[in-house]
């Protein structure tokens, strides 16, 4: 699965938790979930759980702690998909 496909699958997962619609509409790999989209850390856990379900992967705690921006999230998803 390429980056664009992952981003398109991530958008509906992340959108319900976004507090800054303008930042969401111009989302890039450098977009930080907390500082750019104003998503609180408790909601990040919900996002991780939704990502696991949507992609059929398991995300360990070390990986979860790195999922703070879109670029890292994409890389982790690609790694976990490759391990399947």
PDB file of N, CA and C in Angstrom:
ATOM      1  N   UNK A   1       0.854  -1.179   0.000  1.00  0.00           N
ATOM      2  CA  UNK A   1       0.000   0.000   0.000  1.00  0.00           C
ATOM      3  C   UNK A   1       0.901   1.244   0.000  1.00  0.00           C
ATOM      4  N   UNK A   2       0.655   2.153  -0.950  1.00  0.00           N
ATOM      5  CA  UNK A   2       1.516   3.336  -1.022  1.00  0.00           C
ATOM      6  C   UNK A   2       1.043   4.443  -0.077  1.00  0.00           C
ATOM      7  N   UNK A   3       1.859   5.499   0.029  1.00  0.00           N
ATOM      8  CA  UNK A   3       1.578   6.583   0.985  1.00  0.00           C
ATOM      9  C   UNK A   3       0.226   7.245   0.733  1.00  0.00           C
ATOM     10  N   UNK A   4      -0.080   7.494  -0.543  1.00  0.00           N
ATOM     11  CA  UNK A   4      -1.338   8.172  -0.868  1.00  0.00           C
ATOM     12  C   UNK A   4      -2.538   7.331  -0.437  1.00  0.00           C
ATOM     13  N   UNK A   5      -2.467   6.018  -0.656  1.00  0.00           N
ATOM     14  CA  UNK A   5      -3.559   5.132  -0.253  1.00  0.00           C
ATOM     15  C   UNK A   5      -3.721   5.119   1.270  1.00  0.00           C
ATOM     16  N   UNK A   6      -2.588   5.114   1.964  1.00  0.00           N
ATOM     17  CA  UNK A   6      -2.630   5.127   3.431  1.00  0.00           C
ATOM     18  C   UNK A   6      -3.224   6.438   3.931  1.00  0.00           C
ATOM     19  N   UNK A   7      -2.796   7.555   3.356  1.00  0.00           N
ATOM     20  CA  UNK A   7      -3.322   8.864   3.763  1.00  0.00           C
ATOM     21  C   UNK A   7      -4.834   8.916   3.560  1.00  0.00           C
ATOM     22  N   UNK A   8      -5.305   8.432   2.415  1.00  0.00           N
ATOM     23  CA  UNK A   8      -6.751   8.453   2.141  1.00  0.00           C
ATOM     24  C   UNK A   8      -7.520   7.581   3.128  1.00  0.00           C
ATOM     25  N   UNK A   9      -6.905   6.495   3.585  1.00  0.00           N
ATOM     26  CA  UNK A   9      -7.556   5.616   4.551  1.00  0.00           C
ATOM     27  C   UNK A   9      -7.465   6.204   5.972  1.00  0.00           C
ATOM     28  N   UNK A  10      -6.432   7.013   6.228  1.00  0.00           N
ATOM     29  CA  UNK A  10      -6.248   7.637   7.539  1.00  0.00           C
ATOM     30  C   UNK A  10      -7.170   8.832   7.763  1.00  0.00           C
ATOM     31  N   UNK A  11      -7.446   9.582   6.721  1.00  0.00           N
ATOM     32  CA  UNK A  11      -8.228  10.818   6.866  1.00  0.00           C
ATOM     33  C   UNK A  11      -9.553  10.619   7.609  1.00  0.00           C
ATOM     34  N   UNK A  12     -10.381   9.646   7.205  1.00  0.00           N
ATOM     35  CA  UNK A  12     -11.656   9.488   7.929  1.00  0.00           C
ATOM     36  C   UNK A  12     -11.469   8.992   9.371  1.00  0.00           C
ATOM     37  N   UNK A  13     -10.332   8.368   9.655  1.00  0.00           N
ATOM     38  CA  UNK A  13     -10.046   7.913  11.019  1.00  0.00           C
ATOM     39  C   UNK A  13      -9.697   9.111  11.908  1.00  0.00           C
ATOM     40  N   UNK A  14      -8.899  10.013  11.374  1.00  0.00           N
ATOM     41  CA  UNK A  14      -8.389  11.160  12.136  1.00  0.00           C
ATOM     42  C   UNK A  14      -9.427  12.293  12.233  1.00  0.00           C
ATOM     43  N   UNK A  15     -10.200  12.494  11.175  1.00  0.00           N
ATOM     44  CA  UNK A  15     -11.105  13.653  11.078  1.00  0.00           C
ATOM     45  C   UNK A  15     -12.005  13.898  12.290  1.00  0.00           C
ATOM     46  N   UNK A  16     -12.643  12.864  12.882  1.00  0.00           N
ATOM     47  CA  UNK A  16     -13.548  13.146  14.014  1.00  0.00           C
ATOM     48  C   UNK A  16     -12.861  13.782  15.230  1.00  0.00           C
ATOM     49  N   UNK A  17     -11.534  13.655  15.317  1.00  0.00           N
ATOM     50  CA  UNK A  17     -10.804  14.158  16.484  1.00  0.00           C
ATOM     51  C   UNK A  17     -10.122  15.502  16.226  1.00  0.00           C
ATOM     52  N   UNK A  18     -10.170  15.968  14.986  1.00  0.00           N
ATOM     53  CA  UNK A  18      -9.472  17.198  14.586  1.00  0.00           C
ATOM     54  C   UNK A  18     -10.178  18.425  15.142  1.00  0.00           C
ATOM     55  N   UNK A  19      -9.397  19.330  15.723  1.00  0.00           N
ATOM     56  CA  UNK A  19      -9.940  20.588  16.241  1.00  0.00           C
ATOM     57  C   UNK A  19      -9.615  21.755  15.302  1.00  0.00           C
ATOM     58  N   UNK A  20      -8.686  21.531  14.345  1.00  0.00           N
ATOM     59  CA  UNK A  20      -8.286  22.584  13.412  1.00  0.00           C
ATOM     60  C   UNK A  20      -8.552  22.107  11.981  1.00  0.00           C
ATOM     61  N   UNK A  21      -9.733  22.426  11.481  1.00  0.00           N
ATOM     62  CA  UNK A  21     -10.152  21.982  10.145  1.00  0.00           C
ATOM     63  C   UNK A  21      -9.232  22.509   9.044  1.00  0.00           C
ATOM     64  N   UNK A  22      -8.737  23.739   9.186  1.00  0.00           N
ATOM     65  CA  UNK A  22      -7.860  24.327   8.174  1.00  0.00           C
ATOM     66  C   UNK A  22      -6.591  23.501   8.032  1.00  0.00           C
ATOM     67  N   UNK A  23      -5.995  23.136   9.156  1.00  0.00           N
ATOM     68  CA  UNK A  23      -4.779  22.310   9.126  1.00  0.00           C
ATOM     69  C   UNK A  23      -5.095  20.933   8.539  1.00  0.00           C
ATOM     70  N   UNK A  24      -6.251  20.391   8.869  1.00  0.00           N
ATOM     71  CA  UNK A  24      -6.632  19.077   8.347  1.00  0.00           C
ATOM     72  C   UNK A  24      -6.779  19.117   6.826  1.00  0.00           C
ATOM     73  N   UNK A  25      -7.335  20.198   6.311  1.00  0.00           N
ATOM     74  CA  UNK A  25      -7.545  20.323   4.873  1.00  0.00           C
ATOM     75  C   UNK A  25      -6.236  20.468   4.096  1.00  0.00           C
ATOM     76  N   UNK A  26      -5.160  20.852   4.785  1.00  0.00           N
ATOM     77  CA  UNK A  26      -3.858  20.964   4.118  1.00  0.00           C
ATOM     78  C   UNK A  26      -2.865  19.977   4.722  1.00  0.00           C
ATOM     79  N   UNK A  27      -3.359  18.790   5.046  1.00  0.00           N
ATOM     80  CA  UNK A  27      -2.566  17.758   5.705  1.00  0.00           C
ATOM     81  C   UNK A  27      -1.402  17.292   4.810  1.00  0.00           C
ATOM     82  N   UNK A  28      -0.226  17.141   5.423  1.00  0.00           N
ATOM     83  CA  UNK A  28       0.958  16.634   4.727  1.00  0.00           C
ATOM     84  C   UNK A  28       1.627  15.597   5.639  1.00  0.00           C
ATOM     85  N   UNK A  29       2.714  15.004   5.157  1.00  0.00           N
ATOM     86  CA  UNK A  29       3.439  14.035   5.982  1.00  0.00           C
ATOM     87  C   UNK A  29       4.026  14.678   7.232  1.00  0.00           C
ATOM     88  N   UNK A  30       4.232  15.975   7.191  1.00  0.00           N
ATOM     89  CA  UNK A  30       4.821  16.675   8.336  1.00  0.00           C
ATOM     90  C   UNK A  30       3.765  17.114   9.360  1.00  0.00           C
ATOM     91  N   UNK A  31       2.502  16.908   9.061  1.00  0.00           N
ATOM     92  CA  UNK A  31       1.422  17.315   9.956  1.00  0.00           C
ATOM     93  C   UNK A  31       1.508  16.552  11.269  1.00  0.00           C
ATOM     94  N   UNK A  32       1.598  17.309  12.369  1.00  0.00           N
ATOM     95  CA  UNK A  32       1.684  16.742  13.715  1.00  0.00           C
ATOM     96  C   UNK A  32       0.278  16.683  14.293  1.00  0.00           C
ATOM     97  N   UNK A  33      -0.079  15.527  14.833  1.00  0.00           N
ATOM     98  CA  UNK A  33      -1.447  15.349  15.319  1.00  0.00           C
ATOM     99  C   UNK A  33      -1.803  16.292  16.474  1.00  0.00           C
ATOM    100  N   UNK A  34      -0.888  16.469  17.410  1.00  0.00           N
ATOM    101  CA  UNK A  34      -1.190  17.286  18.589  1.00  0.00           C
ATOM    102  C   UNK A  34      -1.026  18.776  18.302  1.00  0.00           C
ATOM    103  N   UNK A  35       0.141  19.175  17.783  1.00  0.00           N
ATOM    104  CA  UNK A  35       0.392  20.610  17.617  1.00  0.00           C
ATOM    105  C   UNK A  35      -0.311  21.224  16.411  1.00  0.00           C
ATOM    106  N   UNK A  36      -0.437  20.473  15.314  1.00  0.00           N
ATOM    107  CA  UNK A  36      -1.067  21.038  14.116  1.00  0.00           C
ATOM    108  C   UNK A  36      -2.583  20.838  14.083  1.00  0.00           C
ATOM    109  N   UNK A  37      -3.023  19.628  14.430  1.00  0.00           N
ATOM    110  CA  UNK A  37      -4.455  19.323  14.341  1.00  0.00           C
ATOM    111  C   UNK A  37      -5.183  19.480  15.667  1.00  0.00           C
ATOM    112  N   UNK A  38      -4.426  19.792  16.718  1.00  0.00           N
ATOM    113  CA  UNK A  38      -4.990  19.991  18.063  1.00  0.00           C
ATOM    114  C   UNK A  38      -5.765  18.780  18.580  1.00  0.00           C
ATOM    115  N   UNK A  39      -5.264  17.595  18.269  1.00  0.00           N
ATOM    116  CA  UNK A  39      -5.864  16.362  18.779  1.00  0.00           C
ATOM    117  C   UNK A  39      -5.245  16.089  20.147  1.00  0.00           C
ATOM    118  N   UNK A  40      -6.074  15.790  21.149  1.00  0.00           N
ATOM    119  CA  UNK A  40      -5.487  15.543  22.471  1.00  0.00           C
ATOM    120  C   UNK A  40      -4.932  14.123  22.552  1.00  0.00           C
ATOM    121  N   UNK A  41      -4.045  13.897  23.505  1.00  0.00           N
ATOM    122  CA  UNK A  41      -3.333  12.621  23.587  1.00  0.00           C
ATOM    123  C   UNK A  41      -4.266  11.441  23.848  1.00  0.00           C
ATOM    124  N   UNK A  42      -5.353  11.658  24.560  1.00  0.00           N
ATOM    125  CA  UNK A  42      -6.306  10.572  24.793  1.00  0.00           C
ATOM    126  C   UNK A  42      -6.942  10.129  23.478  1.00  0.00           C
ATOM    127  N   UNK A  43      -7.216  11.078  22.602  1.00  0.00           N
ATOM    128  CA  UNK A  43      -7.793  10.738  21.301  1.00  0.00           C
ATOM    129  C   UNK A  43      -6.792  10.030  20.397  1.00  0.00           C
ATOM    130  N   UNK A  44      -5.488  10.251  20.630  1.00  0.00           N
ATOM    131  CA  UNK A  44      -4.484   9.547  19.841  1.00  0.00           C
ATOM    132  C   UNK A  44      -4.592   8.041  20.054  1.00  0.00           C
ATOM    133  N   UNK A  45      -4.919   7.639  21.264  1.00  0.00           N
ATOM    134  CA  UNK A  45      -5.107   6.211  21.552  1.00  0.00           C
ATOM    135  C   UNK A  45      -6.283   5.672  20.731  1.00  0.00           C
ATOM    136  N   UNK A  46      -7.362   6.439  20.664  1.00  0.00           N
ATOM    137  CA  UNK A  46      -8.511   6.031  19.847  1.00  0.00           C
ATOM    138  C   UNK A  46      -8.113   5.898  18.378  1.00  0.00           C
ATOM    139  N   UNK A  47      -7.308   6.835  17.908  1.00  0.00           N
ATOM    140  CA  UNK A  47      -6.851   6.802  16.516  1.00  0.00           C
ATOM    141  C   UNK A  47      -6.025   5.543  16.268  1.00  0.00           C
ATOM    142  N   UNK A  48      -5.123   5.225  17.191  1.00  0.00           N
ATOM    143  CA  UNK A  48      -4.286   4.027  17.046  1.00  0.00           C
ATOM    144  C   UNK A  48      -5.157   2.772  16.979  1.00  0.00           C
ATOM    145  N   UNK A  49      -6.142   2.691  17.851  1.00  0.00           N
ATOM    146  CA  UNK A  49      -7.046   1.529  17.842  1.00  0.00           C
ATOM    147  C   UNK A  49      -7.804   1.435  16.519  1.00  0.00           C
ATOM    148  N   UNK A  50      -8.259   2.569  16.016  1.00  0.00           N
ATOM    149  CA  UNK A  50      -8.967   2.592  14.733  1.00  0.00           C
ATOM    150  C   UNK A  50      -8.040   2.221  13.573  1.00  0.00           C
ATOM    151  N   UNK A  51      -6.789   2.660  13.651  1.00  0.00           N
ATOM    152  CA  UNK A  51      -5.795   2.321  12.619  1.00  0.00           C
ATOM    153  C   UNK A  51      -5.554   0.810  12.618  1.00  0.00           C
ATOM    154  N   UNK A  52      -5.411   0.241  13.802  1.00  0.00           N
ATOM    155  CA  UNK A  52      -5.206  -1.214  13.898  1.00  0.00           C
ATOM    156  C   UNK A  52      -6.344  -1.960  13.209  1.00  0.00           C
ATOM    157  N   UNK A  53      -7.551  -1.530  13.500  1.00  0.00           N
ATOM    158  CA  UNK A  53      -8.727  -2.189  12.920  1.00  0.00           C
ATOM    159  C   UNK A  53      -8.814  -1.981  11.413  1.00  0.00           C
ATOM    160  N   UNK A  54      -8.603  -0.762  10.960  1.00  0.00           N
ATOM    161  CA  UNK A  54      -8.742  -0.436   9.536  1.00  0.00           C
ATOM    162  C   UNK A  54      -7.698  -1.137   8.669  1.00  0.00           C
ATOM    163  N   UNK A  55      -6.488  -1.279   9.202  1.00  0.00           N
ATOM    164  CA  UNK A  55      -5.401  -1.860   8.409  1.00  0.00           C
ATOM    165  C   UNK A  55      -5.133  -3.324   8.762  1.00  0.00           C
ATOM    166  N   UNK A  56      -5.808  -3.844   9.780  1.00  0.00           N
ATOM    167  CA  UNK A  56      -5.606  -5.232  10.176  1.00  0.00           C
ATOM    168  C   UNK A  56      -4.222  -5.502  10.722  1.00  0.00           C
ATOM    169  N   UNK A  57      -3.705  -4.547  11.512  1.00  0.00           N
ATOM    170  CA  UNK A  57      -2.355  -4.671  12.079  1.00  0.00           C
ATOM    171  C   UNK A  57      -2.416  -4.494  13.593  1.00  0.00           C
ATOM    172  N   UNK A  58      -1.308  -4.849  14.250  1.00  0.00           N
ATOM    173  CA  UNK A  58      -1.168  -4.609  15.678  1.00  0.00           C
ATOM    174  C   UNK A  58      -0.036  -3.620  15.877  1.00  0.00           C
ATOM    175  N   UNK A  59      -0.284  -2.600  16.672  1.00  0.00           N
ATOM    176  CA  UNK A  59       0.732  -1.565  16.912  1.00  0.00           C
ATOM    177  C   UNK A  59       1.191  -1.679  18.361  1.00  0.00           C
ATOM    178  N   UNK A  60       2.483  -1.949  18.530  1.00  0.00           N
ATOM    179  CA  UNK A  60       3.038  -2.086  19.880  1.00  0.00           C
ATOM    180  C   UNK A  60       3.230  -0.712  20.510  1.00  0.00           C
ATOM    181  N   UNK A  61       3.497  -0.702  21.811  1.00  0.00           N
ATOM    182  CA  UNK A  61       3.621   0.565  22.550  1.00  0.00           C
ATOM    183  C   UNK A  61       4.741   1.450  22.019  1.00  0.00           C
ATOM    184  N   UNK A  62       5.883   0.860  21.645  1.00  0.00           N
ATOM    185  CA  UNK A  62       6.988   1.669  21.112  1.00  0.00           C
ATOM    186  C   UNK A  62       6.571   2.394  19.841  1.00  0.00           C
ATOM    187  N   UNK A  63       5.891   1.667  18.958  1.00  0.00           N
ATOM    188  CA  UNK A  63       5.423   2.277  17.709  1.00  0.00           C
ATOM    189  C   UNK A  63       4.360   3.329  17.980  1.00  0.00           C
ATOM    190  N   UNK A  64       3.478   3.029  18.928  1.00  0.00           N
ATOM    191  CA  UNK A  64       2.403   3.960  19.263  1.00  0.00           C
ATOM    192  C   UNK A  64       2.966   5.311  19.714  1.00  0.00           C
ATOM    193  N   UNK A  65       4.029   5.277  20.497  1.00  0.00           N
ATOM    194  CA  UNK A  65       4.636   6.515  20.998  1.00  0.00           C
ATOM    195  C   UNK A  65       5.235   7.351  19.882  1.00  0.00           C
ATOM    196  N   UNK A  66       5.560   6.737  18.747  1.00  0.00           N
ATOM    197  CA  UNK A  66       6.157   7.452  17.614  1.00  0.00           C
ATOM    198  C   UNK A  66       5.102   7.994  16.647  1.00  0.00           C
ATOM    199  N   UNK A  67       3.861   7.598  16.842  1.00  0.00           N
ATOM    200  CA  UNK A  67       2.796   7.998  15.908  1.00  0.00           C
ATOM    201  C   UNK A  67       2.262   9.392  16.245  1.00  0.00           C
ATOM    202  N   UNK A  68       3.130  10.374  16.191  1.00  0.00           N
ATOM    203  CA  UNK A  68       2.742  11.740  16.531  1.00  0.00           C
ATOM    204  C   UNK A  68       2.526  12.619  15.309  1.00  0.00           C
ATOM    205  N   UNK A  69       3.057  12.182  14.177  1.00  0.00           N
ATOM    206  CA  UNK A  69       2.820  12.931  12.947  1.00  0.00           C
ATOM    207  C   UNK A  69       2.461  11.957  11.833  1.00  0.00           C
ATOM    208  N   UNK A  70       1.979  12.500  10.752  1.00  0.00           N
ATOM    209  CA  UNK A  70       1.487  11.666   9.662  1.00  0.00           C
ATOM    210  C   UNK A  70       2.600  10.836   9.038  1.00  0.00           C
ATOM    211  N   UNK A  71       3.777  11.420   8.877  1.00  0.00           N
ATOM    212  CA  UNK A  71       4.896  10.702   8.260  1.00  0.00           C
ATOM    213  C   UNK A  71       5.284   9.456   9.035  1.00  0.00           C
ATOM    214  N   UNK A  72       5.443   9.588  10.348  1.00  0.00           N
ATOM    215  CA  UNK A  72       5.787   8.430  11.179  1.00  0.00           C
ATOM    216  C   UNK A  72       4.663   7.404  11.170  1.00  0.00           C
ATOM    217  N   UNK A  73       3.437   7.870  11.196  1.00  0.00           N
ATOM    218  CA  UNK A  73       2.293   6.963  11.187  1.00  0.00           C
ATOM    219  C   UNK A  73       2.270   6.142   9.903  1.00  0.00           C
ATOM    220  N   UNK A  74       2.517   6.789   8.775  1.00  0.00           N
ATOM    221  CA  UNK A  74       2.556   6.088   7.486  1.00  0.00           C
ATOM    222  C   UNK A  74       3.671   5.037   7.500  1.00  0.00           C
ATOM    223  N   UNK A  75       4.856   5.427   7.974  1.00  0.00           N
ATOM    224  CA  UNK A  75       6.001   4.504   8.013  1.00  0.00           C
ATOM    225  C   UNK A  75       5.700   3.289   8.888  1.00  0.00           C
ATOM    226  N   UNK A  76       5.082   3.515  10.036  1.00  0.00           N
ATOM    227  CA  UNK A  76       4.749   2.412  10.947  1.00  0.00           C
ATOM    228  C   UNK A  76       3.712   1.492  10.305  1.00  0.00           C
ATOM    229  N   UNK A  77       2.707   2.063   9.681  1.00  0.00           N
ATOM    230  CA  UNK A  77       1.686   1.246   9.013  1.00  0.00           C
ATOM    231  C   UNK A  77       2.316   0.405   7.906  1.00  0.00           C
ATOM    232  N   UNK A  78       3.183   1.022   7.092  1.00  0.00           N
ATOM    233  CA  UNK A  78       3.828   0.286   6.008  1.00  0.00           C
ATOM    234  C   UNK A  78       4.693  -0.855   6.557  1.00  0.00           C
ATOM    235  N   UNK A  79       5.413  -0.599   7.648  1.00  0.00           N
ATOM    236  CA  UNK A  79       6.256  -1.632   8.267  1.00  0.00           C
ATOM    237  C   UNK A  79       5.399  -2.777   8.774  1.00  0.00           C
ATOM    238  N   UNK A  80       4.306  -2.454   9.474  1.00  0.00           N
ATOM    239  CA  UNK A  80       3.436  -3.491  10.044  1.00  0.00           C
ATOM    240  C   UNK A  80       2.748  -4.296   8.935  1.00  0.00           C
ATOM    241  N   UNK A  81       2.360  -3.635   7.854  1.00  0.00           N
ATOM    242  CA  UNK A  81       1.738  -4.342   6.733  1.00  0.00           C
ATOM    243  C   UNK A  81       2.737  -5.289   6.084  1.00  0.00           C
ATOM    244  N   UNK A  82       3.991  -4.869   5.982  1.00  0.00           N
ATOM    245  CA  UNK A  82       5.034  -5.706   5.372  1.00  0.00           C
ATOM    246  C   UNK A  82       5.334  -6.940   6.223  1.00  0.00           C
ATOM    247  N   UNK A  83       5.129  -6.823   7.537  1.00  0.00           N
ATOM    248  CA  UNK A  83       5.388  -7.931   8.459  1.00  0.00           C
ATOM    249  C   UNK A  83       4.304  -8.993   8.419  1.00  0.00           C
ATOM    250  N   UNK A  84       3.145  -8.651   7.851  1.00  0.00           N
ATOM    251  CA  UNK A  84       2.006  -9.598   7.843  1.00  0.00           C
ATOM    252  C   UNK A  84       2.279 -10.779   6.941  1.00  0.00           C
TER     253      UNK A  84
END
